[in-house]
């Protein structure tokens, strides 16, 4: 059976905010671009963002304050040149989305409404009730579609065509019939999102399996700062479904089983609006010390009843619906139960500001770009501020699209051949034909339990070593998997097996990087090394996976700037 080869100027993998924005810019410049996505663009996880998009718009705020808050929030691991670029371009990005048709909530004078968010000096999060992600995603997707961007949804990207330091396309298969195809292109951009589904309790959609990261790593390319996984303070108890920081931004308060507003102990100035890592650890600690609430005593109370029905229905209607649907609790009438949930990946595919993917600390891959949560330009460092992720995805997606459009004519198309699909075909055939006795669902559950229990909000060398050993065991057992569905039509069992292989890869990066970082910084908290160590660890982790699956760690300097290193307190 011959393998079809399709040729484009640019291929984008992933159709969230970053992918859509890049595709729109490429098409606007007359380039032939296609977007490969395993689910419909409007089901992309960008649509789940609730709280807002940051930009210093008001007279009481400034771009420099936005920069400072971001660098401080990152626990000084963010690259300050990238932070400066993002914060300076933030107002323009919001105005661009507004002109595209995004409907922001407004103040009485007609200006875009902004709410407070954790770790920020001024109300800066521009919002659309509590559904900013969906508002922006629909807007940018509509504009990309209007220009004629080709969207190929329900196509699963399985491999990158990478030779001699250059990328020339991807290999993918159609979920409808498992038909393999090669998409040959001058340039490729990954916008494949985050990987928090590796944890048991997660705010992420089931599609967030980190495929893009593993595909990159399997070619010997680095992943950066993978130990930094953000736990959001407010996931609904038991399932992790997100309750936006907007609830605390509007004035929500946290209480333990004793009725104490416990954030007074952990962040006496900022209280519930300290940075996310601080609030998450406070919640987990209250539960660990026996002051949890709920039937399993594994949550704390989030109380917004004092805000009143009118404000809640005006600004937080979807959050209310979520709590009613999943907990049976109405936040207008009573506190709801929340606990920390795996939420966001600060690390990822290392890129520079224009989006070029790094081959190592000093070299870049020709024709390969990344943006959004799967990338690491390091505007978030060790901890992301709320509402900076939507900004990063939209801003860098758009900017990287412009970069690709400007560089594409200088890149020669390297013709692909059917041989480029061999690795992807071999992996699919192995999964379908392997008749072991291990089930992917069971192995995945064991991985998620291990990552939550041993590589979560609190870590020690001992706990991380348990995770390292367990992942090693799971990798061995993975060789003995079996899928019962051998068909070619919408084989979700095959897809889940492929996704689990990716999860095993990047989980190894997380735990190996975390063991080596013998300090506490941002979301990475080591109870056995509970202080930040700028002498030894003010540096980015660069991990490389060899053909046997072993991880080698190197480090890269942090780009410092005008914001001097200080102790981070709230």
Protein backbone atom coordinates (compact mmCIF):
# COMPACT_ATOMS: atom_id res chain seq x y z
CA UNK A 1 0.00 0.00 0.00
CA UNK A 2 1.47 3.31 -1.06
CA UNK A 3 1.65 6.14 1.45
CA UNK A 4 0.27 9.49 0.28
CA UNK A 5 2.62 12.46 0.56
CA UNK A 6 1.08 15.93 0.85
CA UNK A 7 3.20 19.03 0.41
CA UNK A 8 2.77 22.37 2.18
CA UNK A 9 4.83 25.42 3.03
CA UNK A 10 4.12 24.88 6.73
CA UNK A 11 2.54 22.23 8.94
CA UNK A 12 1.26 23.08 12.41
CA UNK A 13 0.56 20.28 14.88
CA UNK A 14 -2.07 21.33 17.42
CA UNK A 15 -5.07 23.62 17.07
CA UNK A 16 -5.29 25.50 20.35
CA UNK A 17 -4.66 29.23 20.64
CA UNK A 18 -0.99 29.01 19.63
CA UNK A 19 -1.61 26.77 16.62
CA UNK A 20 -4.59 28.77 15.37
CA UNK A 21 -2.84 32.11 15.78
CA UNK A 22 0.25 30.89 13.92
CA UNK A 23 -1.80 29.38 11.12
CA UNK A 24 -3.80 32.58 10.73
CA UNK A 25 -0.62 34.66 10.40
CA UNK A 26 0.95 32.25 7.89
CA UNK A 27 -2.17 32.17 5.73
CA UNK A 28 -2.47 35.94 5.95
CA UNK A 29 1.01 36.12 4.40
CA UNK A 30 -0.09 33.89 1.53
CA UNK A 31 1.58 30.69 2.72
CA UNK A 32 0.14 27.23 2.13
CA UNK A 33 -0.47 25.93 5.65
CA UNK A 34 -2.27 22.96 7.18
CA UNK A 35 -3.12 22.29 10.83
CA UNK A 36 -2.96 18.68 12.04
CA UNK A 37 -4.99 18.03 15.19
CA UNK A 38 -6.22 14.87 16.89
CA UNK A 39 -9.50 16.55 17.86
CA UNK A 40 -11.62 19.37 16.50
CA UNK A 41 -9.95 22.78 17.05
CA UNK A 42 -12.82 24.05 19.20
CA UNK A 43 -12.27 21.11 21.56
CA UNK A 44 -8.64 22.11 22.12
CA UNK A 45 -7.68 22.60 25.75
CA UNK A 46 -7.14 26.35 25.27
CA UNK A 47 -10.93 26.57 25.42
CA UNK A 48 -10.84 25.49 29.06
CA UNK A 49 -9.01 28.64 30.22
CA UNK A 50 -11.39 30.52 32.50
CA UNK A 51 -9.86 33.48 34.27
CA UNK A 52 -8.24 35.97 31.88
CA UNK A 53 -5.35 37.15 29.74
CA UNK A 54 -2.79 39.51 31.27
CA UNK A 55 -1.94 42.92 29.87
CA UNK A 56 -0.92 46.17 31.57
CA UNK A 57 -3.72 48.37 30.24
CA UNK A 58 -4.75 50.60 33.15
CA UNK A 59 -3.13 53.83 34.34
CA UNK A 60 -2.53 52.18 37.72
CA UNK A 61 -0.45 49.43 36.09
CA UNK A 62 2.70 49.35 33.97
CA UNK A 63 4.58 46.99 31.69
CA UNK A 64 7.53 47.05 34.08
CA UNK A 65 5.28 45.95 36.96
CA UNK A 66 3.99 43.10 34.79
CA UNK A 67 7.59 42.11 34.07
CA UNK A 68 8.54 42.25 37.75
CA UNK A 69 5.55 40.18 38.87
CA UNK A 70 6.30 37.58 36.20
CA UNK A 71 10.00 37.31 37.07
CA UNK A 72 9.27 37.17 40.80
CA UNK A 73 6.52 34.63 40.25
CA UNK A 74 8.95 32.49 38.24
CA UNK A 75 11.23 32.40 41.32
CA UNK A 76 13.77 34.15 39.09
CA UNK A 77 14.19 31.25 36.67
CA UNK A 78 12.39 32.96 33.78
CA UNK A 79 14.54 34.42 31.01
CA UNK A 80 14.13 38.14 31.47
CA UNK A 81 14.53 39.05 27.80
CA UNK A 82 11.58 36.77 26.93
CA UNK A 83 9.54 38.14 29.83
CA UNK A 84 10.23 41.72 28.71
CA UNK A 85 9.16 40.86 25.16
CA UNK A 86 5.94 39.19 26.33
CA UNK A 87 4.91 41.95 28.70
CA UNK A 88 5.66 44.71 26.20
CA UNK A 89 3.62 42.96 23.50
CA UNK A 90 0.73 42.04 25.82
CA UNK A 91 -1.44 45.17 25.32
CA UNK A 92 -1.05 44.94 21.54
CA UNK A 93 -1.99 41.23 21.66
CA UNK A 94 -5.21 41.91 23.59
CA UNK A 95 -6.13 44.71 21.16
CA UNK A 96 -5.42 42.38 18.23
CA UNK A 97 -7.78 39.74 19.67
CA UNK A 98 -10.36 42.46 20.30
CA UNK A 99 -10.16 43.59 16.66
CA UNK A 100 -10.50 39.96 15.58
CA UNK A 101 -13.89 39.98 17.31
CA UNK A 102 -13.22 38.71 20.86
CA UNK A 103 -15.93 39.94 23.22
CA UNK A 104 -14.32 40.96 26.51
CA UNK A 105 -16.26 41.89 29.63
CA UNK A 106 -16.41 45.68 30.02
CA UNK A 107 -16.35 48.30 32.72
CA UNK A 108 -19.08 50.93 32.84
CA UNK A 109 -16.91 53.34 30.86
CA UNK A 110 -16.57 50.79 28.05
CA UNK A 111 -12.95 49.82 28.78
CA UNK A 112 -11.95 46.14 28.93
CA UNK A 113 -12.60 44.85 32.45
CA UNK A 114 -9.64 43.48 34.44
CA UNK A 115 -9.58 41.43 37.63
CA UNK A 116 -6.87 40.69 40.22
CA UNK A 117 -4.90 37.46 39.95
CA UNK A 118 -2.41 35.79 42.26
CA UNK A 119 1.08 37.25 42.55
CA UNK A 120 0.19 40.40 40.62
CA UNK A 121 0.59 44.02 41.74
CA UNK A 122 -2.48 45.31 39.91
CA UNK A 123 -5.74 43.98 38.41
CA UNK A 124 -4.38 42.87 35.05
CA UNK A 125 -6.36 39.86 33.83
CA UNK A 126 -8.64 40.92 30.96
CA UNK A 127 -11.62 38.60 31.10
CA UNK A 128 -14.76 37.44 29.34
CA UNK A 129 -16.90 36.37 32.32
CA UNK A 130 -15.15 33.10 33.26
CA UNK A 131 -14.65 31.74 29.74
CA UNK A 132 -11.75 33.69 28.24
CA UNK A 133 -10.20 30.63 26.59
CA UNK A 134 -13.33 29.66 24.70
CA UNK A 135 -13.97 33.27 23.67
CA UNK A 136 -10.47 33.65 22.23
CA UNK A 137 -10.30 30.16 20.71
CA UNK A 138 -13.58 30.61 18.84
CA UNK A 139 -12.50 34.03 17.62
CA UNK A 140 -9.04 33.05 16.33
CA UNK A 141 -10.25 29.75 14.85
CA UNK A 142 -13.04 31.55 12.98
CA UNK A 143 -10.57 34.07 11.56
CA UNK A 144 -8.09 31.36 10.52
CA UNK A 145 -10.89 29.35 8.89
CA UNK A 146 -12.20 32.49 7.19
CA UNK A 147 -8.81 33.02 5.52
CA UNK A 148 -8.79 29.46 4.24
CA UNK A 149 -6.44 27.63 6.63
CA UNK A 150 -6.77 23.89 6.04
CA UNK A 151 -7.70 22.08 9.27
CA UNK A 152 -7.18 18.32 9.33
CA UNK A 153 -8.88 17.24 12.53
CA UNK A 154 -8.91 13.68 13.84
CA UNK A 155 -5.40 13.18 12.47
CA UNK A 156 -2.88 11.86 14.98
CA UNK A 157 0.74 13.00 14.54
CA UNK A 158 3.03 10.07 15.26
CA UNK A 159 6.49 11.19 14.19
CA UNK A 160 8.64 14.10 13.08
CA UNK A 161 10.68 13.83 9.88
CA UNK A 162 14.07 14.92 11.18
CA UNK A 163 17.42 14.32 9.50
CA UNK A 164 20.80 16.03 9.64
CA UNK A 165 19.59 18.79 11.95
CA UNK A 166 16.66 19.69 9.69
CA UNK A 167 12.92 19.05 9.83
CA UNK A 168 10.93 18.36 6.67
CA UNK A 169 7.46 17.39 7.84
CA UNK A 170 5.52 14.95 9.98
CA UNK A 171 3.97 11.51 9.77
CA UNK A 172 0.34 11.16 10.89
CA UNK A 173 -2.58 8.76 10.62
CA UNK A 174 -6.29 9.42 10.24
CA UNK A 175 -8.21 8.22 13.28
CA UNK A 176 -11.12 7.31 11.02
CA UNK A 177 -9.30 4.49 9.24
CA UNK A 178 -5.66 4.45 10.50
CA UNK A 179 -4.50 5.58 7.04
CA UNK A 180 -0.88 6.74 7.36
CA UNK A 181 0.15 9.88 5.47
CA UNK A 182 3.26 12.03 5.19
CA UNK A 183 2.94 15.80 5.36
CA UNK A 184 6.04 17.20 3.69
CA UNK A 185 6.77 20.86 4.45
CA UNK A 186 9.49 23.48 4.55
CA UNK A 187 8.72 24.17 8.19
CA UNK A 188 6.86 22.54 11.06
CA UNK A 189 5.52 24.06 14.27
CA UNK A 190 4.50 22.07 17.35
CA UNK A 191 1.69 23.55 19.42
CA UNK A 192 0.67 20.32 21.10
CA UNK A 193 -0.18 21.58 24.60
CA UNK A 194 0.62 20.32 28.07
CA UNK A 195 1.07 16.98 29.81
CA UNK A 196 -0.69 17.06 33.17
CA UNK A 197 -2.64 13.89 32.36
CA UNK A 198 0.43 12.08 33.69
CA UNK A 199 -1.01 12.86 37.15
CA UNK A 200 -4.05 11.25 38.79
CA UNK A 201 -5.84 14.48 39.74
CA UNK A 202 -5.59 16.91 36.85
CA UNK A 203 -7.42 19.89 35.41
CA UNK A 204 -6.32 18.88 31.92
CA UNK A 205 -8.44 17.40 29.15
CA UNK A 206 -7.93 13.72 28.34
CA UNK A 207 -6.16 14.77 25.13
CA UNK A 208 -3.30 16.43 27.05
CA UNK A 209 -0.94 13.49 26.86
CA UNK A 210 2.22 15.37 25.92
CA UNK A 211 2.70 13.60 22.59
CA UNK A 212 4.71 16.42 21.01
CA UNK A 213 7.29 16.42 23.80
CA UNK A 214 8.00 12.71 23.50
CA UNK A 215 8.14 12.83 19.69
CA UNK A 216 10.84 15.51 19.97
CA UNK A 217 12.76 13.68 22.68
CA UNK A 218 12.82 10.43 20.69
CA UNK A 219 14.92 12.21 18.06
CA UNK A 220 17.57 13.09 20.65
CA UNK A 221 16.45 16.71 20.92
CA UNK A 222 16.30 18.30 24.38
CA UNK A 223 13.43 19.05 26.72
CA UNK A 224 13.86 21.97 29.12
CA UNK A 225 12.90 22.42 32.80
CA UNK A 226 10.59 19.40 32.86
CA UNK A 227 10.69 19.19 36.67
CA UNK A 228 8.52 22.30 36.97
CA UNK A 229 4.89 21.17 36.95
CA UNK A 230 2.31 23.62 38.27
CA UNK A 231 -0.38 22.48 40.66
CA UNK A 232 -3.38 24.79 40.55
CA UNK A 233 -4.79 25.54 44.01
CA UNK A 234 -8.42 25.08 43.12
CA UNK A 235 -9.50 21.90 41.41
CA UNK A 236 -12.85 20.43 42.39
CA UNK A 237 -12.35 17.81 45.10
CA UNK A 238 -11.96 14.29 43.78
CA UNK A 239 -11.66 15.00 40.06
CA UNK A 240 -9.49 18.11 39.63
CA UNK A 241 -11.90 19.95 37.29
CA UNK A 242 -10.67 23.53 37.34
CA UNK A 243 -12.21 26.30 39.41
CA UNK A 244 -10.47 29.37 38.04
CA UNK A 245 -8.27 31.69 40.04
CA UNK A 246 -10.94 34.21 39.06
CA UNK A 247 -12.95 32.96 42.06
CA UNK A 248 -10.16 34.09 44.39
CA UNK A 249 -9.48 37.15 42.25
CA UNK A 250 -13.05 38.29 42.84
CA UNK A 251 -12.60 37.85 46.60
CA UNK A 252 -12.98 34.14 47.37
CA UNK A 253 -11.56 32.95 50.70
CA UNK A 254 -10.04 29.62 51.76
CA UNK A 255 -10.93 27.91 55.06
CA UNK A 256 -9.89 24.65 56.76
CA UNK A 257 -11.90 22.30 58.98
CA UNK A 258 -11.33 24.59 61.98
CA UNK A 259 -12.84 27.54 60.16
CA UNK A 260 -9.41 29.20 59.91
CA UNK A 261 -8.55 31.40 56.95
CA UNK A 262 -5.28 29.53 56.79
CA UNK A 263 -3.56 31.62 54.10
CA UNK A 264 -2.91 34.18 56.86
CA UNK A 265 -0.15 31.81 58.03
CA UNK A 266 1.42 31.11 54.64
CA UNK A 267 1.14 34.47 52.82
CA UNK A 268 0.07 37.15 55.33
CA UNK A 269 0.12 39.96 52.76
CA UNK A 270 -1.21 38.41 49.57
CA UNK A 271 -3.39 35.76 51.30
CA UNK A 272 -5.39 33.79 48.66
CA UNK A 273 -3.71 35.80 45.90
CA UNK A 274 -0.18 34.61 46.57
CA UNK A 275 1.45 32.79 43.65
CA UNK A 276 -0.08 29.47 42.70
CA UNK A 277 2.70 27.26 44.03
CA UNK A 278 2.48 28.92 47.46
CA UNK A 279 -1.31 28.53 47.70
CA UNK A 280 -1.24 24.95 46.37
CA UNK A 281 1.34 23.82 48.92
CA UNK A 282 -0.61 25.57 51.69
CA UNK A 283 -3.74 23.61 50.74
CA UNK A 284 -1.88 20.30 50.50
CA UNK A 285 -0.19 20.98 53.84
CA UNK A 286 -3.50 21.74 55.60
CA UNK A 287 -4.83 18.41 54.33
CA UNK A 288 -1.64 16.53 55.29
CA UNK A 289 -1.82 17.93 58.82
CA UNK A 290 -5.40 16.77 59.32
CA UNK A 291 -7.34 19.98 58.73
CA UNK A 292 -8.98 18.88 55.50
CA UNK A 293 -12.72 18.94 54.88
CA UNK A 294 -15.24 16.90 52.92
CA UNK A 295 -16.18 13.23 53.16
CA UNK A 296 -12.58 12.12 52.51
CA UNK A 297 -10.97 15.05 54.38
CA UNK A 298 -8.93 15.72 51.21
CA UNK A 299 -10.10 19.25 50.43
CA UNK A 300 -10.50 22.76 51.84
CA UNK A 301 -13.38 25.20 51.55
CA UNK A 302 -13.49 27.92 48.90
CA UNK A 303 -16.09 30.45 50.00
CA UNK A 304 -17.51 33.09 47.65
CA UNK A 305 -20.97 33.35 49.23
CA UNK A 306 -20.20 36.87 50.49
CA UNK A 307 -19.88 38.09 46.90
CA UNK A 308 -23.62 37.73 46.38
CA UNK A 309 -25.71 36.09 43.68
CA UNK A 310 -25.58 38.97 41.20
CA UNK A 311 -21.78 39.20 41.04
CA UNK A 312 -21.36 35.42 40.88
CA UNK A 313 -23.86 35.13 38.02
CA UNK A 314 -22.28 38.05 36.21
CA UNK A 315 -18.61 37.05 36.50
CA UNK A 316 -18.42 33.38 37.58
CA UNK A 317 -21.45 31.62 36.03
CA UNK A 318 -19.56 28.63 34.58
CA UNK A 319 -17.66 28.01 37.81
CA UNK A 320 -20.98 27.82 39.64
CA UNK A 321 -22.32 25.36 37.06
CA UNK A 322 -19.22 23.17 37.38
CA UNK A 323 -19.50 22.97 41.17
CA UNK A 324 -23.20 22.11 40.95
CA UNK A 325 -22.60 19.47 38.24
CA UNK A 326 -19.61 17.72 39.83
CA UNK A 327 -20.12 18.30 43.57
CA UNK A 328 -23.79 19.17 43.96
CA UNK A 329 -22.75 22.39 45.74
CA UNK A 330 -24.06 25.84 44.82
CA UNK A 331 -21.39 28.48 45.47
CA UNK A 332 -24.08 31.15 45.80
CA UNK A 333 -25.40 29.37 48.91
CA UNK A 334 -22.45 27.44 50.37
CA UNK A 335 -18.67 26.97 50.23
CA UNK A 336 -17.38 24.43 47.71
CA UNK A 337 -14.70 21.76 48.14
CA UNK A 338 -11.40 22.27 46.34
CA UNK A 339 -7.87 20.86 46.42
CA UNK A 340 -4.69 21.18 44.36
CA UNK A 341 -4.76 19.72 40.86
CA UNK A 342 -1.99 19.12 38.29
CA UNK A 343 -2.49 21.95 35.85
CA UNK A 344 0.35 23.32 33.74
CA UNK A 345 3.83 22.54 32.45
CA UNK A 346 6.38 25.34 32.74
CA UNK A 347 8.94 23.23 30.89
CA UNK A 348 8.84 21.79 27.40
CA UNK A 349 10.48 22.02 23.98
CA UNK A 350 13.24 24.65 24.29
CA UNK A 351 12.87 27.60 21.91
CA UNK A 352 14.19 31.14 21.52
CA UNK A 353 11.87 34.16 21.37
CA UNK A 354 11.12 33.80 17.60
CA UNK A 355 10.20 30.15 18.26
CA UNK A 356 13.16 28.24 16.78
CA UNK A 357 13.57 24.84 18.46
CA UNK A 358 16.95 24.26 20.09
CA UNK A 359 19.16 21.37 19.07
CA UNK A 360 21.31 22.10 22.10
CA UNK A 361 22.33 25.16 24.14
CA UNK A 362 23.81 26.97 21.11
CA UNK A 363 22.34 25.41 17.93
CA UNK A 364 18.85 25.37 16.43
CA UNK A 365 16.97 22.92 14.22
CA UNK A 366 16.30 24.22 10.72
CA UNK A 367 12.60 24.48 9.86
CA UNK A 368 11.31 23.53 13.33
CA UNK A 369 9.34 25.82 15.65
CA UNK A 370 7.20 25.50 18.79
CA UNK A 371 4.85 27.71 20.78
CA UNK A 372 2.30 27.52 23.57
CA UNK A 373 2.39 25.18 26.55
CA UNK A 374 4.43 22.47 24.81
CA UNK A 375 7.28 24.98 24.34
CA UNK A 376 9.69 26.53 26.82
CA UNK A 377 10.78 30.04 25.88
CA UNK A 378 10.91 30.38 29.67
CA UNK A 379 8.61 33.26 30.40
CA UNK A 380 7.29 31.21 33.34
CA UNK A 381 10.51 29.86 34.84
CA UNK A 382 9.75 27.75 37.90
CA UNK A 383 6.16 28.96 38.37
CA UNK A 384 3.59 30.56 36.08
CA UNK A 385 1.36 33.46 37.07
CA UNK A 386 -2.31 32.96 36.30
CA UNK A 387 -3.50 34.55 33.00
CA UNK A 388 0.06 34.57 31.60
CA UNK A 389 -0.50 31.23 29.84
CA UNK A 390 -3.33 32.49 27.62
CA UNK A 391 -1.14 35.49 26.86
CA UNK A 392 1.86 33.30 26.02
CA UNK A 393 -0.13 31.00 23.74
CA UNK A 394 -1.81 33.78 21.79
CA UNK A 395 1.18 36.14 21.64
CA UNK A 396 3.90 33.63 20.80
CA UNK A 397 1.61 31.63 18.52
CA UNK A 398 1.00 34.77 16.48
CA UNK A 399 4.65 35.91 16.62
CA UNK A 400 6.08 32.49 15.72
CA UNK A 401 3.65 32.33 12.80
CA UNK A 402 5.02 35.66 11.59
CA UNK A 403 8.58 34.36 12.05
CA UNK A 404 7.82 31.26 9.99
CA UNK A 405 6.22 33.34 7.23
CA UNK A 406 9.27 35.58 7.02
CA UNK A 407 11.78 32.69 6.94
CA UNK A 408 9.94 30.11 4.84
CA UNK A 409 11.17 31.32 1.47
CA UNK A 410 14.77 30.86 2.60
CA UNK A 411 14.20 27.19 3.45
CA UNK A 412 14.47 24.63 0.67
CA UNK A 413 11.84 21.90 0.62
CA UNK A 414 13.53 18.60 1.41
CA UNK A 415 11.43 15.96 -0.37
CA UNK A 416 10.03 13.22 1.87
CA UNK A 417 9.87 9.55 0.91
CA UNK A 418 7.74 6.62 2.08
CA UNK A 419 10.70 5.43 4.17
CA UNK A 420 10.13 8.43 6.46
CA UNK A 421 6.97 6.73 7.75
CA UNK A 422 8.70 3.48 8.69
CA UNK A 423 9.14 4.21 12.39
CA UNK A 424 5.50 5.28 12.80
CA UNK A 425 4.23 2.25 10.90
CA UNK A 426 6.42 -0.11 12.94
CA UNK A 427 5.10 1.34 16.21
CA UNK A 428 1.47 1.02 15.15
CA UNK A 429 1.97 -2.53 13.87
CA UNK A 430 3.78 -3.51 17.08
CA UNK A 431 0.88 -2.27 19.22
CA UNK A 432 -1.76 -4.01 17.08
CA UNK A 433 0.16 -7.30 16.82
CA UNK A 434 1.66 -7.51 20.31
CA UNK A 435 -0.24 -10.09 22.35
CA UNK A 436 1.07 -9.69 25.87
CA UNK A 437 -0.91 -9.69 29.10
CA UNK A 438 -0.58 -6.04 30.24
CA UNK A 439 -3.39 -3.53 29.76
CA UNK A 440 -2.66 0.10 28.95
CA UNK A 441 -5.41 1.41 31.25
CA UNK A 442 -3.92 -0.40 34.26
CA UNK A 443 -0.37 0.76 33.50
CA UNK A 444 -1.57 4.34 32.99
CA UNK A 445 -3.39 4.33 36.32
CA UNK A 446 -0.25 3.11 38.08
CA UNK A 447 1.81 5.85 36.42
CA UNK A 448 -0.70 8.56 37.39
CA UNK A 449 -0.86 7.33 41.00
CA UNK A 450 2.93 7.27 41.19
CA UNK A 451 3.39 10.76 39.77
CA UNK A 452 0.75 12.22 42.11
CA UNK A 453 2.02 10.46 45.24
CA UNK A 454 5.77 10.74 44.66
CA UNK A 455 6.42 13.65 42.25
CA UNK A 456 3.67 16.05 43.23
CA UNK A 457 3.53 19.34 45.11
CA UNK A 458 5.97 18.02 47.77
CA UNK A 459 9.02 15.98 46.81
CA UNK A 460 12.01 14.30 48.43
CA UNK A 461 14.88 12.29 46.99
CA UNK A 462 13.29 9.17 48.47
CA UNK A 463 9.86 9.83 46.94
CA UNK A 464 11.33 10.75 43.56
CA UNK A 465 13.45 7.60 43.55
CA UNK A 466 10.26 5.58 44.07
CA UNK A 467 8.88 7.31 40.96
CA UNK A 468 12.07 6.65 38.96
CA UNK A 469 11.98 2.96 39.87
CA UNK A 470 8.28 2.65 39.12
CA UNK A 471 8.63 4.27 35.69
CA UNK A 472 11.49 1.90 34.92
CA UNK A 473 9.23 -1.02 35.85
CA UNK A 474 6.34 0.35 33.79
CA UNK A 475 8.59 0.77 30.76
CA UNK A 476 9.47 -2.92 30.98
CA UNK A 477 5.84 -3.97 31.42
CA UNK A 478 4.86 -1.69 28.53
CA UNK A 479 6.75 -4.04 26.19
CA UNK A 480 4.17 -6.69 27.07
CA UNK A 481 0.96 -4.77 26.33
CA UNK A 482 -2.01 -6.04 24.41
CA UNK A 483 -4.90 -4.19 22.76
CA UNK A 484 -8.10 -6.16 22.10
CA UNK A 485 -9.28 -3.91 19.27
CA UNK A 486 -7.32 -4.90 16.15
CA UNK A 487 -9.48 -2.89 13.76
CA UNK A 488 -8.51 0.15 11.72
CA UNK A 489 -11.66 2.24 12.29
CA UNK A 490 -11.59 4.80 15.13
CA UNK A 491 -9.36 2.53 17.17
CA UNK A 492 -9.24 4.51 20.42
CA UNK A 493 -7.42 1.65 22.15
CA UNK A 494 -4.55 2.04 19.67
CA UNK A 495 -4.53 5.81 20.24
CA UNK A 496 -4.41 5.40 24.01
CA UNK A 497 -1.54 2.93 23.71
CA UNK A 498 0.44 5.42 21.61
CA UNK A 499 -0.33 8.21 24.07
CA UNK A 500 0.75 6.11 27.03
CA UNK A 501 4.11 5.44 25.39
CA UNK A 502 4.60 9.19 25.19
CA UNK A 503 3.55 9.64 28.83
CA UNK A 504 6.17 7.15 29.97
CA UNK A 505 8.86 9.08 28.08
CA UNK A 506 8.25 12.54 29.46
CA UNK A 507 7.41 11.30 32.98
CA UNK A 508 10.98 10.03 33.08
CA UNK A 509 12.22 13.53 32.20
CA UNK A 510 10.13 15.02 35.04
CA UNK A 511 11.41 12.74 37.78
CA UNK A 512 15.05 12.55 36.63
CA UNK A 513 15.24 16.35 36.38
CA UNK A 514 13.54 16.73 39.78
CA UNK A 515 15.96 14.39 41.53
CA UNK A 516 18.93 16.29 40.14
CA UNK A 517 17.60 19.72 41.20
CA UNK A 518 18.54 19.69 44.88
CA UNK A 519 16.74 22.89 45.84
CA UNK A 520 13.22 24.27 46.15
CA UNK A 521 12.21 26.78 43.50
CA UNK A 522 8.69 27.71 42.44
CA UNK A 523 6.53 24.67 41.79
CA UNK A 524 9.45 22.30 42.48
CA UNK A 525 9.49 21.90 46.26
CA UNK A 526 12.01 19.51 47.83
CA UNK A 527 11.33 18.92 51.53
CA UNK A 528 14.92 17.70 51.88
CA UNK A 529 16.26 20.88 50.20
CA UNK A 530 13.65 23.44 51.19
CA UNK A 531 15.56 26.60 50.17
CA UNK A 532 16.30 28.12 46.80
CA UNK A 533 19.95 27.67 45.80
CA UNK A 534 20.99 30.36 43.33
CA UNK A 535 24.66 29.40 43.54
CA UNK A 536 24.16 25.89 42.17
CA UNK A 537 20.76 25.89 40.48
CA UNK A 538 20.07 29.26 38.89
CA UNK A 539 20.05 27.42 35.56
CA UNK A 540 17.74 25.65 33.15
CA UNK A 541 17.70 21.86 33.05
CA UNK A 542 18.26 20.43 29.57
CA UNK A 543 17.41 16.72 29.30
CA UNK A 544 18.33 14.41 26.40
CA UNK A 545 16.99 10.88 25.91
CA UNK A 546 19.17 8.29 24.18
CA UNK A 547 17.96 5.37 22.07
CA UNK A 548 17.76 3.10 25.14
CA UNK A 549 15.48 5.56 26.96
CA UNK A 550 18.09 6.80 29.44
CA UNK A 551 18.11 10.51 30.27
CA UNK A 552 21.25 12.63 30.27
CA UNK A 553 21.04 16.04 31.95
CA UNK A 554 22.85 19.21 30.99
CA UNK A 555 22.21 22.81 32.02
CA UNK A 556 21.81 26.19 30.33
CA UNK A 557 22.26 29.69 31.76
CA UNK A 558 19.25 31.77 32.77
CA UNK A 559 19.06 35.13 30.98
CA UNK A 560 19.08 37.70 33.77
CA UNK A 561 18.17 41.37 33.50
CA UNK A 562 17.10 44.44 35.45
CA UNK A 563 15.08 42.55 38.06
CA UNK A 564 17.61 41.50 40.69
CA UNK A 565 17.48 38.23 42.57
CA UNK A 566 15.52 38.54 45.81
CA UNK A 567 13.82 36.26 48.26
CA UNK A 568 10.29 35.62 47.03
CA UNK A 569 7.68 36.44 49.67
CA UNK A 570 3.98 37.19 49.51
